[in-house]
Amino acid sequence: MKTVPWISSVFLSVTLVTVAFGAEKQKPYPHYWMSIATTSQSIPGMTAEASGIAAMFGGKNLFGPRKTLQLQLESPRKPTGDPKADHELPKTQNAAITLPLLTPTEEKTEYVPSEERRETPEQYEKPKARMLVYWGCGETVGKGQPKVIDTATMTPVDFAKAFAGRATTRQTPPAPRQGWTYGEWPNKDDRTEIPPESSLLGNNIVKSNYTPALSFTVDKKRDFMAPVEFSPLQKSASGALKLEWKQVPTAIGYFASAIGHNQESEETIFWSSSEVAETGFALQDYLTPGDVTRFIKDKVILDPSKTSCTIPPIFTEKQAGMMQFIAYGEELNLTYPPKPKDPKKRWDIEWSAKLRVKSTAMMPLVAGDEEKTSRKAKPARKAKTAPETREDASAGKDESGSGSDSPTNEIGNRLRGLFGF
């Protein structure tokens, strides 16, 4: 049987291409992720001590800015002996900090025979919820708002579609998986608080017995971001709230969203700073710089030059809201060794590293009473009388030293009402 010439040529070409691509196939290599965050919970114009909230948490101030890290390392290599990995942070004025990455152990669950399990299926009841979605910065509610999402009139599929926001680039950080070694920090053995003055600037080193040594330099754009700082909320005559913040130097975009609940109508209220309809649940997290740029063009994320946004009059004392705010930071994506400039040269990656950065804040949407603020700032003159006694001077003041009708105490009372304590 004769072989058709063109068939032989095609077969030979396919074989050569297959061999070439097979030779260039990249072997699995270690991946390291650093998730770098600055977080704060604030009450404009009031400290945690003044509100008495700190005492409820053992005197610890949970409202000031905090620096947090999440370190995740995975490798296709198996160590000799127990896995061990450490991240050495750059040396500062204080002693050097080493963070141990622990490999979690699998906890075995006790097997329960089928006859002892509950065989009766649970009764499913369709959840009842009515949600009002608002968006945009401005003194008034925009046209076509609110968007109503009601489980009573929608199927579960329609409800999920209406509730879902914009899709973001999927990010898959290292995690435990079969055949790979994994380490993480913080972990059950070490949850060291990152000191407020800490910085990642400089050379960072990761050493382990299941990866080669990882060494990389962190610059200012990938260091801990500055905390989000708000000015006191200003309430207009219409009930709109002017939100102002100090510009975060390394931010590449901002996004704000808020949620509240109307106890009388049992409606949940959502709002976002987007110029177009957007619930924003997928946006209150790390985003790739590409997503941030795309969403700024789509008028969903605020440009980094913005420092204010007026929330329409949708949150009242009866339906006070809690706001989430995020400043997005840059990313750093490294591979070692770097990709060769010569495309014909083979590239064998030994490891990769990703650094992602954000700064977030939470704040109740409550403002002080402007009339009381003015009255407190300019007290009426008193006729000269005998000096006050210590008891007289302390009368009408709470334990924090503020008057019972002071703006600070007013905000504290509303906050307690919002959280139900």
Protein backbone atom coordinates (compact mmCIF):
# COMPACT_ATOMS: atom_id res chain seq x y z
CA MET A 1 0.00 0.00 0.00
CA LYS A 2 1.41 3.35 -1.02
CA THR A 3 1.49 6.28 1.37
CA VAL A 4 0.00 9.47 0.00
CA PRO A 5 2.82 12.07 0.11
CA TRP A 6 0.77 14.94 1.57
CA ILE A 7 -0.49 12.72 4.40
CA SER A 8 3.11 11.88 5.33
CA SER A 9 4.03 15.56 5.35
CA VAL A 10 1.11 16.52 7.59
CA PHE A 11 1.88 13.65 9.98
CA LEU A 12 5.54 14.70 10.17
CA SER A 13 4.58 18.35 10.85
CA VAL A 14 2.17 17.41 13.61
CA THR A 15 4.77 15.13 15.16
CA LEU A 16 7.43 17.86 15.14
CA VAL A 17 5.05 20.43 16.65
CA THR A 18 3.99 17.97 19.35
CA VAL A 19 7.61 17.18 20.23
CA ALA A 20 8.52 20.87 20.28
CA PHE A 21 5.64 21.82 22.57
CA GLY A 22 6.25 18.79 24.73
CA ALA A 23 9.87 19.82 25.22
CA GLU A 24 8.76 23.29 26.32
CA LYS A 25 6.09 22.10 28.73
CA GLN A 26 6.60 23.81 32.09
CA LYS A 27 6.98 21.59 35.12
CA PRO A 28 4.92 22.45 38.22
CA TYR A 29 6.66 24.94 40.49
CA PRO A 30 6.03 26.60 43.91
CA HIS A 31 3.66 29.55 44.23
CA TYR A 32 3.74 32.12 47.02
CA TRP A 33 1.06 34.73 47.74
CA MET A 34 1.17 37.68 50.12
CA SER A 35 -2.18 39.35 50.82
CA ILE A 36 -1.36 42.71 52.44
CA ALA A 37 -4.12 44.71 54.11
CA THR A 38 -4.63 47.78 56.25
CA THR A 39 -7.97 47.70 58.05
CA SER A 40 -9.83 50.18 60.24
CA GLN A 41 -13.24 50.61 61.78
CA SER A 42 -14.06 54.18 62.56
CA ILE A 43 -16.68 56.41 64.09
CA PRO A 44 -15.97 59.95 62.86
CA GLY A 45 -15.64 62.40 65.72
CA MET A 46 -15.62 59.71 68.42
CA THR A 47 -12.96 57.47 69.89
CA ALA A 48 -13.63 53.91 70.98
CA GLU A 49 -12.85 54.88 74.59
CA ALA A 50 -15.29 57.80 74.55
CA SER A 51 -18.12 55.64 73.27
CA GLY A 52 -17.53 53.00 75.91
CA ILE A 53 -17.24 50.34 73.23
CA ALA A 54 -13.63 49.47 73.98
CA ALA A 55 -14.64 48.33 77.46
CA MET A 56 -17.01 45.82 75.90
CA PHE A 57 -14.01 44.12 74.29
CA GLY A 58 -11.79 43.99 77.34
CA GLY A 59 -10.46 47.50 76.86
CA LYS A 60 -8.88 46.65 73.50
CA ASN A 61 -9.36 49.31 70.84
CA LEU A 62 -10.71 47.51 67.79
CA PHE A 63 -11.36 50.70 65.88
CA GLY A 64 -7.85 51.91 65.14
CA PRO A 65 -5.94 50.98 61.95
CA ARG A 66 -4.38 47.53 61.89
CA LYS A 67 -1.90 45.93 59.52
CA THR A 68 -2.58 42.33 58.55
CA LEU A 69 -0.88 39.75 56.39
CA GLN A 70 -1.94 36.45 54.91
CA LEU A 71 0.91 34.28 53.63
CA GLN A 72 0.23 31.18 51.51
CA LEU A 73 2.85 28.85 50.03
CA GLU A 74 2.35 25.72 47.93
CA SER A 75 4.90 23.43 46.31
CA PRO A 76 4.87 20.20 44.31
CA ARG A 77 7.87 19.03 46.32
CA LYS A 78 7.68 16.71 49.32
CA PRO A 79 10.01 17.61 52.19
CA THR A 80 12.32 15.24 53.96
CA GLY A 81 10.78 15.10 57.39
CA ASP A 82 8.20 17.56 58.65
CA PRO A 83 7.53 20.57 56.40
CA LYS A 84 9.06 23.81 57.60
CA ALA A 85 8.87 27.32 56.12
CA ASP A 86 9.58 30.85 57.39
CA HIS A 87 9.14 34.34 55.98
CA GLU A 88 11.80 36.78 57.12
CA LEU A 89 10.47 40.35 57.00
CA PRO A 90 12.92 43.18 56.33
CA LYS A 91 14.75 44.42 59.40
CA THR A 92 13.44 47.68 60.83
CA GLN A 93 14.36 49.77 63.85
CA ASN A 94 12.89 46.97 65.90
CA ALA A 95 14.15 43.40 65.87
CA ALA A 96 13.67 41.38 62.70
CA ILE A 97 10.37 39.49 62.51
CA THR A 98 10.16 35.92 61.25
CA LEU A 99 6.73 34.48 60.50
CA PRO A 100 6.44 30.68 60.48
CA LEU A 101 4.29 29.12 57.76
CA LEU A 102 2.58 26.09 59.23
CA THR A 103 1.33 23.10 57.27
CA PRO A 104 -2.16 22.33 58.60
CA THR A 105 -2.84 18.79 59.70
CA GLU A 106 -5.92 16.94 58.52
CA GLU A 107 -8.37 16.26 61.31
CA LYS A 108 -10.08 12.91 60.99
CA THR A 109 -13.80 12.89 61.55
CA GLU A 110 -15.53 10.03 63.28
CA TYR A 111 -17.60 7.88 60.93
CA VAL A 112 -21.29 7.77 61.78
CA PRO A 113 -23.19 4.67 60.53
CA SER A 114 -26.03 5.44 58.14
CA GLU A 115 -28.67 4.06 60.50
CA GLU A 116 -27.66 6.65 63.10
CA ARG A 117 -27.89 9.53 60.68
CA ARG A 118 -30.98 11.63 60.34
CA GLU A 119 -32.81 10.21 57.36
CA THR A 120 -35.78 12.61 57.47
CA PRO A 121 -35.15 15.42 54.98
CA GLU A 122 -35.24 18.92 56.40
CA GLN A 123 -38.21 21.08 55.51
CA TYR A 124 -37.19 23.79 53.06
CA GLU A 125 -38.92 27.11 53.26
CA LYS A 126 -38.42 29.74 50.60
CA PRO A 127 -36.67 32.73 52.19
CA LYS A 128 -38.64 35.94 52.34
CA ALA A 129 -36.68 39.06 51.53
CA ARG A 130 -37.33 42.39 49.86
CA MET A 131 -34.30 44.42 48.95
CA LEU A 132 -33.97 47.95 47.61
CA VAL A 133 -30.81 48.69 45.64
CA TYR A 134 -29.57 52.27 45.18
CA TRP A 135 -26.41 53.59 43.58
CA GLY A 136 -24.51 56.77 42.77
CA CYS A 137 -23.16 59.82 44.60
CA GLY A 138 -25.46 62.81 44.86
CA GLU A 139 -27.87 64.89 46.93
CA THR A 140 -30.88 63.11 45.46
CA VAL A 141 -31.84 59.58 44.49
CA GLY A 142 -31.11 58.89 40.83
CA LYS A 143 -33.72 58.09 38.18
CA GLY A 144 -34.98 54.51 38.02
CA GLN A 145 -34.09 53.82 41.64
CA PRO A 146 -34.46 51.79 43.70
CA LYS A 147 -34.08 48.49 41.94
CA VAL A 148 -36.36 46.08 43.82
CA ILE A 149 -35.28 42.50 44.46
CA ASP A 150 -38.13 40.49 46.00
CA THR A 151 -38.04 36.75 46.66
CA ALA A 152 -41.84 36.70 46.76
CA THR A 153 -42.08 37.52 43.05
CA MET A 154 -38.82 36.04 41.74
CA THR A 155 -37.47 32.55 41.15
CA PRO A 156 -34.19 31.61 42.90
CA VAL A 157 -32.38 31.90 39.56
CA ASP A 158 -33.79 35.37 38.84
CA PHE A 159 -33.00 36.43 42.40
CA ALA A 160 -29.38 35.30 42.08
CA LYS A 161 -28.97 37.13 38.76
CA ALA A 162 -30.45 40.35 40.12
CA PHE A 163 -28.35 40.18 43.26
CA ALA A 164 -25.07 39.36 41.54
CA GLY A 165 -22.75 42.20 40.65
CA ARG A 166 -20.01 42.44 38.07
CA ALA A 167 -17.74 39.48 37.51
CA THR A 168 -14.13 39.95 38.54
CA THR A 169 -11.00 38.11 37.44
CA ARG A 170 -10.86 34.83 39.31
CA GLN A 171 -7.95 34.63 41.72
CA THR A 172 -6.89 31.24 43.07
CA PRO A 173 -4.37 31.56 45.91
CA PRO A 174 -2.32 28.59 47.13
CA ALA A 175 -4.29 26.08 49.19
CA PRO A 176 -3.97 22.52 50.51
CA ARG A 177 -4.28 19.98 47.69
CA GLN A 178 -3.36 16.39 47.11
CA GLY A 179 0.26 15.73 46.18
CA TRP A 180 1.45 19.22 47.13
CA THR A 181 2.93 20.69 50.30
CA TYR A 182 1.22 23.75 51.73
CA GLY A 183 2.10 26.29 54.43
CA GLU A 184 0.27 29.34 55.78
CA TRP A 185 0.43 32.25 58.20
CA PRO A 186 -1.32 33.18 60.42
CA ASN A 187 -2.00 29.72 61.75
CA LYS A 188 -3.13 27.96 64.91
CA ASP A 189 0.36 28.16 66.42
CA ASP A 190 1.25 31.74 65.52
CA ARG A 191 -0.96 34.81 65.17
CA THR A 192 1.60 37.50 65.90
CA GLU A 193 0.20 41.03 65.69
CA ILE A 194 1.93 43.06 63.00
CA PRO A 195 3.32 46.17 64.77
CA PRO A 196 1.79 49.49 63.55
CA GLU A 197 5.19 50.81 62.45
CA SER A 198 6.03 47.67 60.42
CA SER A 199 6.97 47.91 56.77
CA LEU A 200 7.60 45.35 54.04
CA LEU A 201 9.96 47.69 52.19
CA GLY A 202 13.18 45.99 51.20
CA ASN A 203 14.29 42.41 50.74
CA ASN A 204 11.88 39.67 51.83
CA ILE A 205 13.11 36.08 52.12
CA VAL A 206 11.14 32.85 52.33
CA LYS A 207 13.04 29.73 53.32
CA SER A 208 11.60 26.23 53.45
CA ASN A 209 12.56 22.58 53.10
CA TYR A 210 10.10 22.06 50.23
CA THR A 211 10.95 25.04 47.98
CA PRO A 212 14.07 26.83 46.83
CA ALA A 213 14.80 30.07 48.68
CA LEU A 214 12.50 32.88 47.55
CA SER A 215 13.97 36.37 47.64
CA PHE A 216 12.26 39.51 46.35
CA THR A 217 12.16 43.25 46.97
CA VAL A 218 9.03 45.17 47.96
CA ASP A 219 8.69 48.82 46.91
CA LYS A 220 6.45 51.61 48.25
CA LYS A 221 3.56 50.79 45.92
CA ARG A 222 3.31 47.25 47.33
CA ASP A 223 3.98 48.06 50.96
CA PHE A 224 1.18 48.40 53.54
CA MET A 225 -1.21 51.09 52.34
CA ALA A 226 -2.09 54.10 54.46
CA PRO A 227 -5.30 53.66 56.48
CA VAL A 228 -8.53 55.15 55.19
CA GLU A 229 -9.30 58.31 57.20
CA PHE A 230 -12.77 59.87 57.10
CA SER A 231 -13.84 63.37 58.01
CA PRO A 232 -16.93 63.70 60.22
CA LEU A 233 -20.07 62.95 58.22
CA GLN A 234 -22.00 66.06 57.18
CA LYS A 235 -25.77 65.77 56.86
CA SER A 236 -27.61 68.08 54.48
CA ALA A 237 -31.15 69.40 54.91
CA SER A 238 -32.42 66.69 52.56
CA GLY A 239 -30.85 63.97 54.70
CA ALA A 240 -27.97 63.22 52.31
CA LEU A 241 -24.63 62.36 53.91
CA LYS A 242 -21.43 63.88 52.58
CA LEU A 243 -18.65 61.34 52.87
CA GLU A 244 -15.10 62.71 52.67
CA TRP A 245 -11.81 60.88 53.05
CA LYS A 246 -8.12 61.64 52.98
CA GLN A 247 -6.47 60.53 49.77
CA VAL A 248 -4.59 57.23 50.12
CA PRO A 249 -1.26 57.91 48.32
CA THR A 250 -0.83 54.50 46.67
CA ALA A 251 -4.52 53.84 45.86
CA ILE A 252 -5.47 53.11 42.24
CA GLY A 253 -9.24 53.35 42.86
CA TYR A 254 -11.98 53.48 45.53
CA PHE A 255 -15.34 51.84 46.10
CA ALA A 256 -17.94 52.32 48.82
CA SER A 257 -21.07 50.35 49.62
CA ALA A 258 -23.55 50.39 52.47
CA ILE A 259 -26.31 48.22 53.85
CA GLY A 260 -29.17 49.09 56.16
CA HIS A 261 -32.46 47.63 57.33
CA ASN A 262 -35.85 49.26 57.71
CA GLN A 263 -37.39 47.66 60.79
CA GLU A 264 -40.89 48.87 59.98
CA SER A 265 -41.11 47.63 56.39
CA GLU A 266 -38.56 44.81 56.92
CA GLU A 267 -36.75 45.88 53.77
CA THR A 268 -33.00 45.64 53.33
CA ILE A 269 -31.37 48.65 51.70
CA PHE A 270 -28.22 48.49 49.59
CA TRP A 271 -26.21 51.40 48.20
CA SER A 272 -22.97 51.67 46.26
CA SER A 273 -20.87 54.57 44.99
CA SER A 274 -21.08 53.19 41.44
CA GLU A 275 -22.62 55.48 38.80
CA VAL A 276 -24.46 52.48 37.35
CA ALA A 277 -26.52 49.77 39.05
CA GLU A 278 -24.16 47.62 41.13
CA THR A 279 -24.52 45.77 44.42
CA GLY A 280 -20.74 45.53 44.70
CA PHE A 281 -20.40 42.41 46.83
CA ALA A 282 -17.61 41.03 44.65
CA LEU A 283 -15.78 44.36 44.73
CA GLN A 284 -15.08 44.56 48.47
CA ASP A 285 -11.94 42.46 48.11
CA TYR A 286 -8.60 42.35 46.33
CA LEU A 287 -9.00 43.17 42.64
CA THR A 288 -6.43 42.93 39.88
CA PRO A 289 -5.19 46.30 38.57
CA GLY A 290 -6.70 45.33 35.21
CA ASP A 291 -10.15 44.96 36.81
CA VAL A 292 -9.79 48.27 38.65
CA THR A 293 -8.90 50.09 35.42
CA ARG A 294 -11.80 48.42 33.58
CA PHE A 295 -14.32 49.23 36.31
CA ILE A 296 -13.18 52.87 36.46
CA LYS A 297 -13.93 53.12 32.74
CA ASP A 298 -17.31 51.47 33.38
CA LYS A 299 -18.00 54.14 36.05
CA VAL A 300 -18.30 51.50 38.77
CA ILE A 301 -15.13 52.25 40.74
CA LEU A 302 -14.17 55.80 41.74
CA ASP A 303 -11.04 57.34 40.24
CA PRO A 304 -8.13 57.63 42.74
CA SER A 305 -8.31 61.43 42.47
CA LYS A 306 -11.74 61.41 44.18
CA THR A 307 -11.91 62.27 47.88
CA SER A 308 -15.66 62.62 48.46
CA CYS A 309 -19.04 61.13 47.66
CA THR A 310 -22.48 62.26 48.81
CA ILE A 311 -24.76 59.40 49.84
CA PRO A 312 -28.38 60.12 48.82
CA PRO A 313 -31.01 60.46 51.61
CA ILE A 314 -31.85 56.75 51.86
CA PHE A 315 -30.47 56.00 55.33
CA THR A 316 -32.39 57.49 58.25
CA GLU A 317 -32.40 56.94 62.00
CA LYS A 318 -34.98 54.18 61.51
CA GLN A 319 -32.91 52.49 58.83
CA ALA A 320 -29.34 53.43 59.70
CA GLY A 321 -26.64 51.87 57.55
CA MET A 322 -23.16 50.44 57.88
CA MET A 323 -20.66 51.38 55.18
CA GLN A 324 -17.77 49.40 53.76
CA PHE A 325 -15.00 51.25 51.95
CA ILE A 326 -12.02 49.95 50.02
CA ALA A 327 -8.95 51.55 48.49
CA TYR A 328 -7.40 49.25 45.90
CA GLY A 329 -3.64 48.92 45.66
CA GLU A 330 -1.13 47.71 43.11
CA GLU A 331 0.01 44.12 42.55
CA LEU A 332 3.43 42.58 42.21
CA ASN A 333 3.78 39.43 40.10
CA LEU A 334 7.18 37.77 39.98
CA THR A 335 8.66 34.67 38.40
CA TYR A 336 12.15 33.36 38.94
CA PRO A 337 14.13 33.29 36.84
CA PRO A 338 12.63 36.13 34.75
CA LYS A 339 11.39 35.28 31.27
CA PRO A 340 14.32 35.23 28.78
CA LYS A 341 14.37 37.97 26.18
CA ASP A 342 15.27 35.38 23.54
CA PRO A 343 11.99 33.55 22.69
CA LYS A 344 13.98 30.51 21.53
CA LYS A 345 15.62 30.08 24.90
CA ARG A 346 14.02 27.54 27.24
CA TRP A 347 12.35 29.03 30.33
CA ASP A 348 12.22 26.81 33.41
CA ILE A 349 10.40 28.64 36.20
CA GLU A 350 11.63 27.75 39.69
CA TRP A 351 8.99 29.73 41.65
CA SER A 352 6.47 32.55 41.41
CA ALA A 353 5.23 35.15 43.88
CA LYS A 354 2.21 37.46 43.97
CA LEU A 355 1.69 40.45 46.28
CA ARG A 356 -1.76 42.08 46.40
CA VAL A 357 -2.61 45.13 48.49
CA LYS A 358 -5.73 46.87 49.84
CA SER A 359 -6.84 49.28 52.55
CA THR A 360 -10.36 48.91 53.93
CA ALA A 361 -12.60 50.62 56.45
CA MET A 362 -16.02 50.20 58.03
CA MET A 363 -18.12 52.99 59.46
CA PRO A 364 -21.71 53.42 60.68
CA LEU A 365 -23.62 56.01 58.67
CA VAL A 366 -24.62 58.21 61.58
CA ALA A 367 -23.95 61.93 61.88
CA GLY A 368 -23.95 64.17 64.92
CA ASP A 369 -26.77 66.67 65.51
CA GLU A 370 -25.56 69.91 63.92
CA GLU A 371 -27.74 72.06 66.18
CA LYS A 372 -26.32 70.40 69.29
CA THR A 373 -22.81 70.66 67.87
CA SER A 374 -23.26 74.41 67.37
CA ARG A 375 -24.75 74.82 70.82
CA LYS A 376 -21.90 72.87 72.37
CA ALA A 377 -19.28 74.93 70.51
CA LYS A 378 -20.77 78.29 71.63
CA PRO A 379 -22.15 78.03 75.15
CA ALA A 380 -24.22 80.91 76.49
CA ARG A 381 -22.53 83.26 78.88
CA LYS A 382 -23.20 82.71 82.56
CA ALA A 383 -23.52 85.33 85.26
CA LYS A 384 -20.64 85.34 87.67
CA THR A 385 -21.51 83.19 90.64
CA ALA A 386 -19.67 81.17 93.19
CA PRO A 387 -17.21 78.63 91.74
CA GLU A 388 -18.71 75.27 90.86
CA THR A 389 -18.10 72.37 93.15
CA ARG A 390 -16.62 69.18 91.70
CA GLU A 391 -20.02 67.54 91.99
CA ASP A 392 -21.67 70.44 90.11
CA ALA A 393 -19.06 70.34 87.36
CA SER A 394 -19.52 66.62 86.77
CA ALA A 395 -23.32 66.74 86.77
CA GLY A 396 -24.89 65.94 83.41
CA LYS A 397 -21.75 64.23 82.11
CA ASP A 398 -21.38 60.56 81.34
CA GLU A 399 -18.43 58.41 82.35
CA SER A 400 -16.42 59.49 79.32
CA GLY A 401 -16.65 63.13 80.36
CA SER A 402 -19.02 64.13 77.57
CA GLY A 403 -22.39 65.74 78.17
CA SER A 404 -25.41 63.48 77.78
CA ASP A 405 -26.57 65.58 74.82
CA SER A 406 -23.15 65.91 73.20
CA PRO A 407 -22.67 64.91 69.55
CA THR A 408 -20.21 62.22 70.61
CA ASN A 409 -22.73 60.61 72.95
CA GLU A 410 -25.45 61.01 70.30
CA ILE A 411 -23.43 58.97 67.81
CA GLY A 412 -22.68 56.37 70.45
CA ASN A 413 -26.38 55.94 71.23
CA ARG A 414 -27.25 55.52 67.56
CA LEU A 415 -24.44 53.02 67.10
CA ARG A 416 -25.69 50.96 70.02
CA GLY A 417 -29.16 51.01 68.44
CA LEU A 418 -27.73 49.89 65.12
CA PHE A 419 -26.03 46.87 66.62
CA GLY A 420 -28.71 46.17 69.23
CA PHE A 421 -26.65 46.63 72.38
